[in-house]
Amino acid sequence: MDLKIESDNSAVLTIDGELTVTRAEELRAMLISALENADSITVRFKNIIEADLSCLQLFCSAHRSAIDLNKSLTVSRENSEVFRLAAEAAGFSRKKGCILDFEDTCLWIEGGS
């Protein structure tokens, strides 16, 4: 995983390989760092081979934290097929965001971010 904080107070978190429980703590630390150091965070995927519920839950929690902090967290749909399929299999895909998602930025909205 690689986190780059840009000069315009944005961050890009690039994730490569597995998004599974074995990397959950690393992902958690990266998401916290991004939220602490940037107002706008974009997650990009590169060669994702597997994703599981633990990491999906971390993304959901980070998105809720971003909303609470008046920040944005988006997931690039490029190279995200494994992530999308894992979200779909876990029942995360939805047509409307949660009660906190006033601006329709939910990571799980089909066709979203």
PDB file of N, CA and C in Angstrom:
ATOM      1  N   MET A   1       0.844  -1.176   0.000  1.00  0.00           N
ATOM      2  CA  MET A   1       0.000   0.000   0.000  1.00  0.00           C
ATOM      3  C   MET A   1       0.884   1.232   0.000  1.00  0.00           C
ATOM      4  N   ASP A   2       0.399   2.248  -0.663  1.00  0.00           N
ATOM      5  CA  ASP A   2       1.170   3.472  -0.785  1.00  0.00           C
ATOM      6  C   ASP A   2       0.229   4.652  -0.584  1.00  0.00           C
ATOM      7  N   LEU A   3       0.597   5.559   0.309  1.00  0.00           N
ATOM      8  CA  LEU A   3      -0.194   6.753   0.573  1.00  0.00           C
ATOM      9  C   LEU A   3       0.625   7.964   0.176  1.00  0.00           C
ATOM     10  N   LYS A   4       0.050   8.806  -0.706  1.00  0.00           N
ATOM     11  CA  LYS A   4       0.713  10.045  -1.113  1.00  0.00           C
ATOM     12  C   LYS A   4      -0.186  11.217  -0.750  1.00  0.00           C
ATOM     13  N   ILE A   5       0.340  12.118   0.052  1.00  0.00           N
ATOM     14  CA  ILE A   5      -0.367  13.339   0.409  1.00  0.00           C
ATOM     15  C   ILE A   5       0.084  14.409  -0.586  1.00  0.00           C
ATOM     16  N   GLU A   6      -0.873  14.997  -1.271  1.00  0.00           N
ATOM     17  CA  GLU A   6      -0.569  16.010  -2.290  1.00  0.00           C
ATOM     18  C   GLU A   6      -0.550  17.401  -1.653  1.00  0.00           C
ATOM     19  N   SER A   7       0.003  18.368  -2.344  1.00  0.00           N
ATOM     20  CA  SER A   7       0.119  19.728  -1.817  1.00  0.00           C
ATOM     21  C   SER A   7      -1.223  20.445  -1.718  1.00  0.00           C
ATOM     22  N   ASP A   8      -2.227  19.976  -2.437  1.00  0.00           N
ATOM     23  CA  ASP A   8      -3.545  20.631  -2.386  1.00  0.00           C
ATOM     24  C   ASP A   8      -4.444  20.023  -1.309  1.00  0.00           C
ATOM     25  N   ASN A   9      -3.831  19.404  -0.302  1.00  0.00           N
ATOM     26  CA  ASN A   9      -4.543  18.804   0.827  1.00  0.00           C
ATOM     27  C   ASN A   9      -5.410  17.615   0.405  1.00  0.00           C
ATOM     28  N   SER A  10      -4.963  16.924  -0.627  1.00  0.00           N
ATOM     29  CA  SER A  10      -5.630  15.692  -1.035  1.00  0.00           C
ATOM     30  C   SER A  10      -4.652  14.536  -0.868  1.00  0.00           C
ATOM     31  N   ALA A  11      -5.198  13.334  -0.847  1.00  0.00           N
ATOM     32  CA  ALA A  11      -4.363  12.149  -0.697  1.00  0.00           C
ATOM     33  C   ALA A  11      -4.818  11.090  -1.683  1.00  0.00           C
ATOM     34  N   VAL A  12      -3.865  10.302  -2.135  1.00  0.00           N
ATOM     35  CA  VAL A  12      -4.164   9.152  -2.988  1.00  0.00           C
ATOM     36  C   VAL A  12      -3.582   7.925  -2.297  1.00  0.00           C
ATOM     37  N   LEU A  13      -4.459   6.986  -1.996  1.00  0.00           N
ATOM     38  CA  LEU A  13      -4.056   5.722  -1.392  1.00  0.00           C
ATOM     39  C   LEU A  13      -4.137   4.658  -2.477  1.00  0.00           C
ATOM     40  N   THR A  14      -2.987   4.112  -2.843  1.00  0.00           N
ATOM     41  CA  THR A  14      -2.939   3.078  -3.870  1.00  0.00           C
ATOM     42  C   THR A  14      -2.750   1.737  -3.183  1.00  0.00           C
ATOM     43  N   ILE A  15      -3.645   0.813  -3.501  1.00  0.00           N
ATOM     44  CA  ILE A  15      -3.622  -0.503  -2.870  1.00  0.00           C
ATOM     45  C   ILE A  15      -3.345  -1.549  -3.931  1.00  0.00           C
ATOM     46  N   ASP A  16      -2.390  -2.402  -3.632  1.00  0.00           N
ATOM     47  CA  ASP A  16      -1.939  -3.432  -4.560  1.00  0.00           C
ATOM     48  C   ASP A  16      -2.038  -4.792  -3.872  1.00  0.00           C
ATOM     49  N   GLY A  17      -2.521  -5.795  -4.590  1.00  0.00           N
ATOM     50  CA  GLY A  17      -2.535  -7.157  -4.050  1.00  0.00           C
ATOM     51  C   GLY A  17      -3.813  -7.517  -3.332  1.00  0.00           C
ATOM     52  N   GLU A  18      -3.686  -8.001  -2.104  1.00  0.00           N
ATOM     53  CA  GLU A  18      -4.828  -8.481  -1.336  1.00  0.00           C
ATOM     54  C   GLU A  18      -5.448  -7.408  -0.461  1.00  0.00           C
ATOM     55  N   LEU A  19      -6.755  -7.470  -0.352  1.00  0.00           N
ATOM     56  CA  LEU A  19      -7.509  -6.664   0.608  1.00  0.00           C
ATOM     57  C   LEU A  19      -8.218  -7.652   1.532  1.00  0.00           C
ATOM     58  N   THR A  20      -7.441  -8.288   2.375  1.00  0.00           N
ATOM     59  CA  THR A  20      -7.981  -9.328   3.252  1.00  0.00           C
ATOM     60  C   THR A  20      -7.591  -9.038   4.701  1.00  0.00           C
ATOM     61  N   VAL A  21      -8.094  -9.854   5.591  1.00  0.00           N
ATOM     62  CA  VAL A  21      -7.865  -9.665   7.023  1.00  0.00           C
ATOM     63  C   VAL A  21      -6.370  -9.614   7.356  1.00  0.00           C
ATOM     64  N   THR A  22      -5.545 -10.292   6.579  1.00  0.00           N
ATOM     65  CA  THR A  22      -4.103 -10.273   6.850  1.00  0.00           C
ATOM     66  C   THR A  22      -3.494  -8.884   6.639  1.00  0.00           C
ATOM     67  N   ARG A  23      -4.172  -8.038   5.886  1.00  0.00           N
ATOM     68  CA  ARG A  23      -3.683  -6.672   5.647  1.00  0.00           C
ATOM     69  C   ARG A  23      -4.602  -5.613   6.261  1.00  0.00           C
ATOM     70  N   ALA A  24      -5.565  -6.045   7.035  1.00  0.00           N
ATOM     71  CA  ALA A  24      -6.557  -5.115   7.588  1.00  0.00           C
ATOM     72  C   ALA A  24      -5.925  -4.046   8.480  1.00  0.00           C
ATOM     73  N   GLU A  25      -4.989  -4.413   9.321  1.00  0.00           N
ATOM     74  CA  GLU A  25      -4.367  -3.421  10.202  1.00  0.00           C
ATOM     75  C   GLU A  25      -3.565  -2.398   9.407  1.00  0.00           C
ATOM     76  N   GLU A  26      -2.875  -2.860   8.386  1.00  0.00           N
ATOM     77  CA  GLU A  26      -2.128  -1.950   7.516  1.00  0.00           C
ATOM     78  C   GLU A  26      -3.087  -0.984   6.806  1.00  0.00           C
ATOM     79  N   LEU A  27      -4.195  -1.510   6.296  1.00  0.00           N
ATOM     80  CA  LEU A  27      -5.196  -0.671   5.632  1.00  0.00           C
ATOM     81  C   LEU A  27      -5.786   0.331   6.611  1.00  0.00           C
ATOM     82  N   ARG A  28      -6.117  -0.126   7.809  1.00  0.00           N
ATOM     83  CA  ARG A  28      -6.676   0.752   8.840  1.00  0.00           C
ATOM     84  C   ARG A  28      -5.729   1.918   9.133  1.00  0.00           C
ATOM     85  N   ALA A  29      -4.452   1.608   9.314  1.00  0.00           N
ATOM     86  CA  ALA A  29      -3.458   2.651   9.607  1.00  0.00           C
ATOM     87  C   ALA A  29      -3.343   3.650   8.456  1.00  0.00           C
ATOM     88  N   MET A  30      -3.364   3.153   7.237  1.00  0.00           N
ATOM     89  CA  MET A  30      -3.271   4.031   6.061  1.00  0.00           C
ATOM     90  C   MET A  30      -4.492   4.936   5.952  1.00  0.00           C
ATOM     91  N   LEU A  31      -5.679   4.380   6.184  1.00  0.00           N
ATOM     92  CA  LEU A  31      -6.901   5.188   6.106  1.00  0.00           C
ATOM     93  C   LEU A  31      -6.920   6.257   7.198  1.00  0.00           C
ATOM     94  N   ILE A  32      -6.502   5.908   8.395  1.00  0.00           N
ATOM     95  CA  ILE A  32      -6.437   6.884   9.486  1.00  0.00           C
ATOM     96  C   ILE A  32      -5.458   7.999   9.132  1.00  0.00           C
ATOM     97  N   SER A  33      -4.288   7.637   8.642  1.00  0.00           N
ATOM     98  CA  SER A  33      -3.294   8.637   8.256  1.00  0.00           C
ATOM     99  C   SER A  33      -3.841   9.559   7.170  1.00  0.00           C
ATOM    100  N   ALA A  34      -4.505   8.983   6.193  1.00  0.00           N
ATOM    101  CA  ALA A  34      -5.077   9.796   5.115  1.00  0.00           C
ATOM    102  C   ALA A  34      -6.110  10.775   5.671  1.00  0.00           C
ATOM    103  N   LEU A  35      -6.980  10.296   6.548  1.00  0.00           N
ATOM    104  CA  LEU A  35      -8.020  11.161   7.123  1.00  0.00           C
ATOM    105  C   LEU A  35      -7.422  12.246   8.021  1.00  0.00           C
ATOM    106  N   GLU A  36      -6.321  11.950   8.671  1.00  0.00           N
ATOM    107  CA  GLU A  36      -5.664  12.941   9.529  1.00  0.00           C
ATOM    108  C   GLU A  36      -4.929  14.009   8.733  1.00  0.00           C
ATOM    109  N   ASN A  37      -4.492  13.662   7.526  1.00  0.00           N
ATOM    110  CA  ASN A  37      -3.596  14.551   6.783  1.00  0.00           C
ATOM    111  C   ASN A  37      -4.152  15.161   5.510  1.00  0.00           C
ATOM    112  N   ALA A  38      -5.391  14.823   5.154  1.00  0.00           N
ATOM    113  CA  ALA A  38      -5.946  15.348   3.905  1.00  0.00           C
ATOM    114  C   ALA A  38      -7.452  15.542   4.041  1.00  0.00           C
ATOM    115  N   ASP A  39      -7.981  16.444   3.232  1.00  0.00           N
ATOM    116  CA  ASP A  39      -9.424  16.683   3.213  1.00  0.00           C
ATOM    117  C   ASP A  39     -10.137  15.844   2.167  1.00  0.00           C
ATOM    118  N   SER A  40      -9.402  15.428   1.151  1.00  0.00           N
ATOM    119  CA  SER A  40      -9.973  14.649   0.055  1.00  0.00           C
ATOM    120  C   SER A  40      -9.084  13.428  -0.181  1.00  0.00           C
ATOM    121  N   ILE A  41      -9.663  12.241  -0.029  1.00  0.00           N
ATOM    122  CA  ILE A  41      -8.899  11.006  -0.187  1.00  0.00           C
ATOM    123  C   ILE A  41      -9.484  10.199  -1.337  1.00  0.00           C
ATOM    124  N   THR A  42      -8.623   9.757  -2.230  1.00  0.00           N
ATOM    125  CA  THR A  42      -9.025   8.872  -3.321  1.00  0.00           C
ATOM    126  C   THR A  42      -8.286   7.561  -3.159  1.00  0.00           C
ATOM    127  N   VAL A  43      -9.028   6.467  -3.220  1.00  0.00           N
ATOM    128  CA  VAL A  43      -8.437   5.135  -3.151  1.00  0.00           C
ATOM    129  C   VAL A  43      -8.365   4.588  -4.572  1.00  0.00           C
ATOM    130  N   ARG A  44      -7.186   4.115  -4.942  1.00  0.00           N
ATOM    131  CA  ARG A  44      -6.989   3.509  -6.256  1.00  0.00           C
ATOM    132  C   ARG A  44      -6.521   2.077  -6.064  1.00  0.00           C
ATOM    133  N   PHE A  45      -6.992   1.200  -6.924  1.00  0.00           N
ATOM    134  CA  PHE A  45      -6.613  -0.204  -6.853  1.00  0.00           C
ATOM    135  C   PHE A  45      -5.655  -0.559  -7.977  1.00  0.00           C
ATOM    136  N   LYS A  46      -4.736  -1.471  -7.656  1.00  0.00           N
ATOM    137  CA  LYS A  46      -3.770  -1.943  -8.637  1.00  0.00           C
ATOM    138  C   LYS A  46      -3.571  -3.440  -8.373  1.00  0.00           C
ATOM    139  N   ASN A  47      -3.921  -4.253  -9.325  1.00  0.00           N
ATOM    140  CA  ASN A  47      -3.716  -5.704  -9.217  1.00  0.00           C
ATOM    141  C   ASN A  47      -4.349  -6.325  -7.969  1.00  0.00           C
ATOM    142  N   ILE A  48      -5.567  -5.932  -7.638  1.00  0.00           N
ATOM    143  CA  ILE A  48      -6.257  -6.531  -6.493  1.00  0.00           C
ATOM    144  C   ILE A  48      -6.640  -7.954  -6.865  1.00  0.00           C
ATOM    145  N   ILE A  49      -6.202  -8.913  -6.047  1.00  0.00           N
ATOM    146  CA  ILE A  49      -6.481 -10.313  -6.345  1.00  0.00           C
ATOM    147  C   ILE A  49      -7.548 -10.902  -5.438  1.00  0.00           C
ATOM    148  N   GLU A  50      -7.793 -10.257  -4.296  1.00  0.00           N
ATOM    149  CA  GLU A  50      -8.794 -10.759  -3.363  1.00  0.00           C
ATOM    150  C   GLU A  50      -9.201  -9.642  -2.410  1.00  0.00           C
ATOM    151  N   ALA A  51     -10.473  -9.647  -2.017  1.00  0.00           N
ATOM    152  CA  ALA A  51     -10.981  -8.690  -1.027  1.00  0.00           C
ATOM    153  C   ALA A  51     -11.955  -9.430  -0.129  1.00  0.00           C
ATOM    154  N   ASP A  52     -11.935  -9.117   1.163  1.00  0.00           N
ATOM    155  CA  ASP A  52     -12.859  -9.780   2.079  1.00  0.00           C
ATOM    156  C   ASP A  52     -13.617  -8.762   2.929  1.00  0.00           C
ATOM    157  N   LEU A  53     -14.519  -9.276   3.730  1.00  0.00           N
ATOM    158  CA  LEU A  53     -15.422  -8.456   4.519  1.00  0.00           C
ATOM    159  C   LEU A  53     -14.686  -7.505   5.469  1.00  0.00           C
ATOM    160  N   SER A  54     -13.583  -7.951   6.058  1.00  0.00           N
ATOM    161  CA  SER A  54     -12.874  -7.096   7.018  1.00  0.00           C
ATOM    162  C   SER A  54     -12.442  -5.779   6.377  1.00  0.00           C
ATOM    163  N   CYS A  55     -11.939  -5.834   5.182  1.00  0.00           N
ATOM    164  CA  CYS A  55     -11.488  -4.615   4.508  1.00  0.00           C
ATOM    165  C   CYS A  55     -12.662  -3.786   3.988  1.00  0.00           C
ATOM    166  N   LEU A  56     -13.725  -4.443   3.562  1.00  0.00           N
ATOM    167  CA  LEU A  56     -14.921  -3.703   3.146  1.00  0.00           C
ATOM    168  C   LEU A  56     -15.456  -2.904   4.324  1.00  0.00           C
ATOM    169  N   GLN A  57     -15.476  -3.511   5.500  1.00  0.00           N
ATOM    170  CA  GLN A  57     -15.949  -2.814   6.698  1.00  0.00           C
ATOM    171  C   GLN A  57     -15.052  -1.631   7.043  1.00  0.00           C
ATOM    172  N   LEU A  58     -13.750  -1.775   6.851  1.00  0.00           N
ATOM    173  CA  LEU A  58     -12.837  -0.655   7.101  1.00  0.00           C
ATOM    174  C   LEU A  58     -13.117   0.515   6.163  1.00  0.00           C
ATOM    175  N   PHE A  59     -13.386   0.223   4.905  1.00  0.00           N
ATOM    176  CA  PHE A  59     -13.718   1.290   3.967  1.00  0.00           C
ATOM    177  C   PHE A  59     -15.009   1.991   4.375  1.00  0.00           C
ATOM    178  N   CYS A  60     -15.991   1.218   4.794  1.00  0.00           N
ATOM    179  CA  CYS A  60     -17.262   1.809   5.222  1.00  0.00           C
ATOM    180  C   CYS A  60     -17.041   2.714   6.436  1.00  0.00           C
ATOM    181  N   SER A  61     -16.288   2.229   7.402  1.00  0.00           N
ATOM    182  CA  SER A  61     -15.984   3.017   8.597  1.00  0.00           C
ATOM    183  C   SER A  61     -15.210   4.288   8.249  1.00  0.00           C
ATOM    184  N   ALA A  62     -14.238   4.181   7.351  1.00  0.00           N
ATOM    185  CA  ALA A  62     -13.456   5.355   6.940  1.00  0.00           C
ATOM    186  C   ALA A  62     -14.344   6.367   6.223  1.00  0.00           C
ATOM    187  N   HIS A  63     -15.276   5.879   5.410  1.00  0.00           N
ATOM    188  CA  HIS A  63     -16.179   6.788   4.713  1.00  0.00           C
ATOM    189  C   HIS A  63     -17.061   7.526   5.709  1.00  0.00           C
ATOM    190  N   ARG A  64     -17.575   6.814   6.705  1.00  0.00           N
ATOM    191  CA  ARG A  64     -18.390   7.463   7.743  1.00  0.00           C
ATOM    192  C   ARG A  64     -17.569   8.488   8.528  1.00  0.00           C
ATOM    193  N   SER A  65     -16.326   8.148   8.823  1.00  0.00           N
ATOM    194  CA  SER A  65     -15.438   9.095   9.513  1.00  0.00           C
ATOM    195  C   SER A  65     -15.195  10.325   8.654  1.00  0.00           C
ATOM    196  N   ALA A  66     -14.986  10.123   7.369  1.00  0.00           N
ATOM    197  CA  ALA A  66     -14.789  11.249   6.458  1.00  0.00           C
ATOM    198  C   ALA A  66     -16.001  12.172   6.480  1.00  0.00           C
ATOM    199  N   ILE A  67     -17.181  11.601   6.436  1.00  0.00           N
ATOM    200  CA  ILE A  67     -18.407  12.414   6.495  1.00  0.00           C
ATOM    201  C   ILE A  67     -18.443  13.211   7.791  1.00  0.00           C
ATOM    202  N   ASP A  68     -18.162  12.554   8.923  1.00  0.00           N
ATOM    203  CA  ASP A  68     -18.165  13.230  10.224  1.00  0.00           C
ATOM    204  C   ASP A  68     -17.157  14.376  10.284  1.00  0.00           C
ATOM    205  N   LEU A  69     -16.050  14.235   9.563  1.00  0.00           N
ATOM    206  CA  LEU A  69     -14.984  15.235   9.563  1.00  0.00           C
ATOM    207  C   LEU A  69     -15.119  16.257   8.426  1.00  0.00           C
ATOM    208  N   ASN A  70     -16.235  16.196   7.695  1.00  0.00           N
ATOM    209  CA  ASN A  70     -16.440  17.050   6.520  1.00  0.00           C
ATOM    210  C   ASN A  70     -15.330  16.898   5.497  1.00  0.00           C
ATOM    211  N   LYS A  71     -14.927  15.655   5.296  1.00  0.00           N
ATOM    212  CA  LYS A  71     -13.915  15.321   4.301  1.00  0.00           C
ATOM    213  C   LYS A  71     -14.541  14.378   3.285  1.00  0.00           C
ATOM    214  N   SER A  72     -13.804  14.068   2.231  1.00  0.00           N
ATOM    215  CA  SER A  72     -14.343  13.136   1.243  1.00  0.00           C
ATOM    216  C   SER A  72     -13.418  11.934   1.080  1.00  0.00           C
ATOM    217  N   LEU A  73     -14.045  10.792   0.884  1.00  0.00           N
ATOM    218  CA  LEU A  73     -13.337   9.555   0.603  1.00  0.00           C
ATOM    219  C   LEU A  73     -14.031   8.906  -0.579  1.00  0.00           C
ATOM    220  N   THR A  74     -13.295   8.741  -1.659  1.00  0.00           N
ATOM    221  CA  THR A  74     -13.858   8.106  -2.846  1.00  0.00           C
ATOM    222  C   THR A  74     -12.974   6.938  -3.268  1.00  0.00           C
ATOM    223  N   VAL A  75     -13.611   5.998  -3.944  1.00  0.00           N
ATOM    224  CA  VAL A  75     -12.901   4.839  -4.466  1.00  0.00           C
ATOM    225  C   VAL A  75     -12.970   4.910  -5.982  1.00  0.00           C
ATOM    226  N   SER A  76     -11.819   4.892  -6.607  1.00  0.00           N
ATOM    227  CA  SER A  76     -11.768   4.890  -8.065  1.00  0.00           C
ATOM    228  C   SER A  76     -12.327   3.567  -8.568  1.00  0.00           C
ATOM    229  N   ARG A  77     -13.173   3.629  -9.566  1.00  0.00           N
ATOM    230  CA  ARG A  77     -13.770   2.408 -10.125  1.00  0.00           C
ATOM    231  C   ARG A  77     -12.829   1.712 -11.101  1.00  0.00           C
ATOM    232  N   GLU A  78     -11.736   2.361 -11.450  1.00  0.00           N
ATOM    233  CA  GLU A  78     -10.756   1.759 -12.343  1.00  0.00           C
ATOM    234  C   GLU A  78     -10.034   0.620 -11.616  1.00  0.00           C
ATOM    235  N   ASN A  79      -9.909  -0.527 -12.256  1.00  0.00           N
ATOM    236  CA  ASN A  79      -9.243  -1.705 -11.684  1.00  0.00           C
ATOM    237  C   ASN A  79      -9.886  -2.190 -10.389  1.00  0.00           C
ATOM    238  N   SER A  80     -11.198  -1.993 -10.252  1.00  0.00           N
ATOM    239  CA  SER A  80     -11.862  -2.331  -8.996  1.00  0.00           C
ATOM    240  C   SER A  80     -12.828  -3.511  -9.104  1.00  0.00           C
ATOM    241  N   GLU A  81     -12.713  -4.323 -10.132  1.00  0.00           N
ATOM    242  CA  GLU A  81     -13.661  -5.422 -10.336  1.00  0.00           C
ATOM    243  C   GLU A  81     -13.687  -6.394  -9.151  1.00  0.00           C
ATOM    244  N   VAL A  82     -12.554  -6.772  -8.621  1.00  0.00           N
ATOM    245  CA  VAL A  82     -12.498  -7.688  -7.477  1.00  0.00           C
ATOM    246  C   VAL A  82     -13.159  -7.040  -6.269  1.00  0.00           C
ATOM    247  N   PHE A  83     -12.884  -5.761  -6.044  1.00  0.00           N
ATOM    248  CA  PHE A  83     -13.493  -5.021  -4.942  1.00  0.00           C
ATOM    249  C   PHE A  83     -15.012  -4.963  -5.111  1.00  0.00           C
ATOM    250  N   ARG A  84     -15.466  -4.658  -6.313  1.00  0.00           N
ATOM    251  CA  ARG A  84     -16.901  -4.578  -6.593  1.00  0.00           C
ATOM    252  C   ARG A  84     -17.589  -5.916  -6.372  1.00  0.00           C
ATOM    253  N   LEU A  85     -16.982  -6.983  -6.853  1.00  0.00           N
ATOM    254  CA  LEU A  85     -17.568  -8.314  -6.689  1.00  0.00           C
ATOM    255  C   LEU A  85     -17.621  -8.730  -5.216  1.00  0.00           C
ATOM    256  N   ALA A  86     -16.585  -8.383  -4.453  1.00  0.00           N
ATOM    257  CA  ALA A  86     -16.582  -8.692  -3.019  1.00  0.00           C
ATOM    258  C   ALA A  86     -17.688  -7.919  -2.298  1.00  0.00           C
ATOM    259  N   ALA A  87     -17.860  -6.651  -2.649  1.00  0.00           N
ATOM    260  CA  ALA A  87     -18.917  -5.835  -2.048  1.00  0.00           C
ATOM    261  C   ALA A  87     -20.294  -6.400  -2.388  1.00  0.00           C
ATOM    262  N   GLU A  88     -20.441  -6.819  -3.623  1.00  0.00           N
ATOM    263  CA  GLU A  88     -21.707  -7.405  -4.065  1.00  0.00           C
ATOM    264  C   GLU A  88     -21.986  -8.713  -3.319  1.00  0.00           C
ATOM    265  N   ALA A  89     -20.993  -9.584  -3.211  1.00  0.00           N
ATOM    266  CA  ALA A  89     -21.145 -10.874  -2.530  1.00  0.00           C
ATOM    267  C   ALA A  89     -21.444 -10.693  -1.038  1.00  0.00           C
ATOM    268  N   ALA A  90     -20.901  -9.627  -0.447  1.00  0.00           N
ATOM    269  CA  ALA A  90     -21.115  -9.368   0.986  1.00  0.00           C
ATOM    270  C   ALA A  90     -22.424  -8.628   1.254  1.00  0.00           C
ATOM    271  N   GLY A  91     -23.123  -8.260   0.190  1.00  0.00           N
ATOM    272  CA  GLY A  91     -24.390  -7.554   0.362  1.00  0.00           C
ATOM    273  C   GLY A  91     -24.246  -6.059   0.572  1.00  0.00           C
ATOM    274  N   PHE A  92     -23.102  -5.493   0.219  1.00  0.00           N
ATOM    275  CA  PHE A  92     -22.870  -4.061   0.413  1.00  0.00           C
ATOM    276  C   PHE A  92     -23.467  -3.204  -0.696  1.00  0.00           C
ATOM    277  N   SER A  93     -23.607  -3.753  -1.896  1.00  0.00           N
ATOM    278  CA  SER A  93     -24.130  -2.966  -3.012  1.00  0.00           C
ATOM    279  C   SER A  93     -25.512  -2.443  -2.683  1.00  0.00           C
ATOM    280  N   ARG A  94     -25.747  -1.191  -3.032  1.00  0.00           N
ATOM    281  CA  ARG A  94     -27.029  -0.571  -2.710  1.00  0.00           C
ATOM    282  C   ARG A  94     -27.377   0.522  -3.699  1.00  0.00           C
ATOM    283  N   LYS A  95     -28.600   0.969  -3.643  1.00  0.00           N
ATOM    284  CA  LYS A  95     -29.074   2.038  -4.529  1.00  0.00           C
ATOM    285  C   LYS A  95     -28.988   3.404  -3.849  1.00  0.00           C
ATOM    286  N   LYS A  96     -28.962   3.407  -2.519  1.00  0.00           N
ATOM    287  CA  LYS A  96     -28.931   4.649  -1.743  1.00  0.00           C
ATOM    288  C   LYS A  96     -27.994   4.456  -0.557  1.00  0.00           C
ATOM    289  N   GLY A  97     -27.278   5.510  -0.188  1.00  0.00           N
ATOM    290  CA  GLY A  97     -26.347   5.440   0.930  1.00  0.00           C
ATOM    291  C   GLY A  97     -27.050   5.352   2.278  1.00  0.00           C
ATOM    292  N   CYS A  98     -26.261   5.217   3.329  1.00  0.00           N
ATOM    293  CA  CYS A  98     -26.801   5.130   4.687  1.00  0.00           C
ATOM    294  C   CYS A  98     -27.369   6.484   5.125  1.00  0.00           C
ATOM    295  N   ILE A  99     -27.916   6.509   6.304  1.00  0.00           N
ATOM    296  CA  ILE A  99     -28.567   7.716   6.837  1.00  0.00           C
ATOM    297  C   ILE A  99     -27.580   8.888   6.980  1.00  0.00           C
ATOM    298  N   LEU A 100     -26.294   8.598   7.108  1.00  0.00           N
ATOM    299  CA  LEU A 100     -25.284   9.658   7.237  1.00  0.00           C
ATOM    300  C   LEU A 100     -24.881  10.269   5.897  1.00  0.00           C
ATOM    301  N   ASP A 101     -25.220   9.591   4.821  1.00  0.00           N
ATOM    302  CA  ASP A 101     -24.740   9.969   3.488  1.00  0.00           C
ATOM    303  C   ASP A 101     -25.673  10.975   2.817  1.00  0.00           C
ATOM    304  N   PHE A 102     -25.600  12.222   3.267  1.00  0.00           N
ATOM    305  CA  PHE A 102     -26.466  13.279   2.740  1.00  0.00           C
ATOM    306  C   PHE A 102     -26.132  13.683   1.309  1.00  0.00           C
ATOM    307  N   GLU A 103     -24.901  13.452   0.890  1.00  0.00           N
ATOM    308  CA  GLU A 103     -24.454  13.916  -0.425  1.00  0.00           C
ATOM    309  C   GLU A 103     -24.291  12.784  -1.441  1.00  0.00           C
ATOM    310  N   ASP A 104     -24.858  11.623  -1.146  1.00  0.00           N
ATOM    311  CA  ASP A 104     -24.802  10.470  -2.057  1.00  0.00           C
ATOM    312  C   ASP A 104     -23.381  10.127  -2.471  1.00  0.00           C
ATOM    313  N   THR A 105     -22.491  10.028  -1.495  1.00  0.00           N
ATOM    314  CA  THR A 105     -21.104   9.666  -1.757  1.00  0.00           C
ATOM    315  C   THR A 105     -20.779   8.239  -1.305  1.00  0.00           C
ATOM    316  N   CYS A 106     -21.795   7.494  -0.923  1.00  0.00           N
ATOM    317  CA  CYS A 106     -21.611   6.128  -0.427  1.00  0.00           C
ATOM    318  C   CYS A 106     -20.756   5.322  -1.399  1.00  0.00           C
ATOM    319  N   LEU A 107     -19.810   4.588  -0.852  1.00  0.00           N
ATOM    320  CA  LEU A 107     -18.901   3.776  -1.661  1.00  0.00           C
ATOM    321  C   LEU A 107     -19.611   2.585  -2.302  1.00  0.00           C
ATOM    322  N   TRP A 108     -20.772   2.241  -1.783  1.00  0.00           N
ATOM    323  CA  TRP A 108     -21.455   1.022  -2.207  1.00  0.00           C
ATOM    324  C   TRP A 108     -22.595   1.267  -3.179  1.00  0.00           C
ATOM    325  N   ILE A 109     -22.885   2.517  -3.497  1.00  0.00           N
ATOM    326  CA  ILE A 109     -23.948   2.796  -4.458  1.00  0.00           C
ATOM    327  C   ILE A 109     -23.509   2.301  -5.820  1.00  0.00           C
ATOM    328  N   GLU A 110     -24.354   1.503  -6.432  1.00  0.00           N
ATOM    329  CA  GLU A 110     -24.022   0.947  -7.743  1.00  0.00           C
ATOM    330  C   GLU A 110     -23.810   2.083  -8.742  1.00  0.00           C
ATOM    331  N   GLY A 111     -22.679   2.038  -9.413  1.00  0.00           N
ATOM    332  CA  GLY A 111     -22.355   3.065 -10.389  1.00  0.00           C
ATOM    333  C   GLY A 111     -21.841   4.348  -9.767  1.00  0.00           C
ATOM    334  N   GLY A 112     -21.599   4.344  -8.433  1.00  0.00           N
ATOM    335  CA  GLY A 112     -21.146   5.539  -7.737  1.00  0.00           C
ATOM    336  C   GLY A 112     -19.673   5.790  -7.941  1.00  0.00           C
ATOM    337  N   SER A 113     -19.123   6.705  -7.112  1.00  0.00           N
ATOM    338  CA  SER A 113     -17.725   7.155  -7.145  1.00  0.00           C
ATOM    339  C   SER A 113     -16.924   6.358  -8.090  1.00  0.00           C
TER     340      SER A 113
END
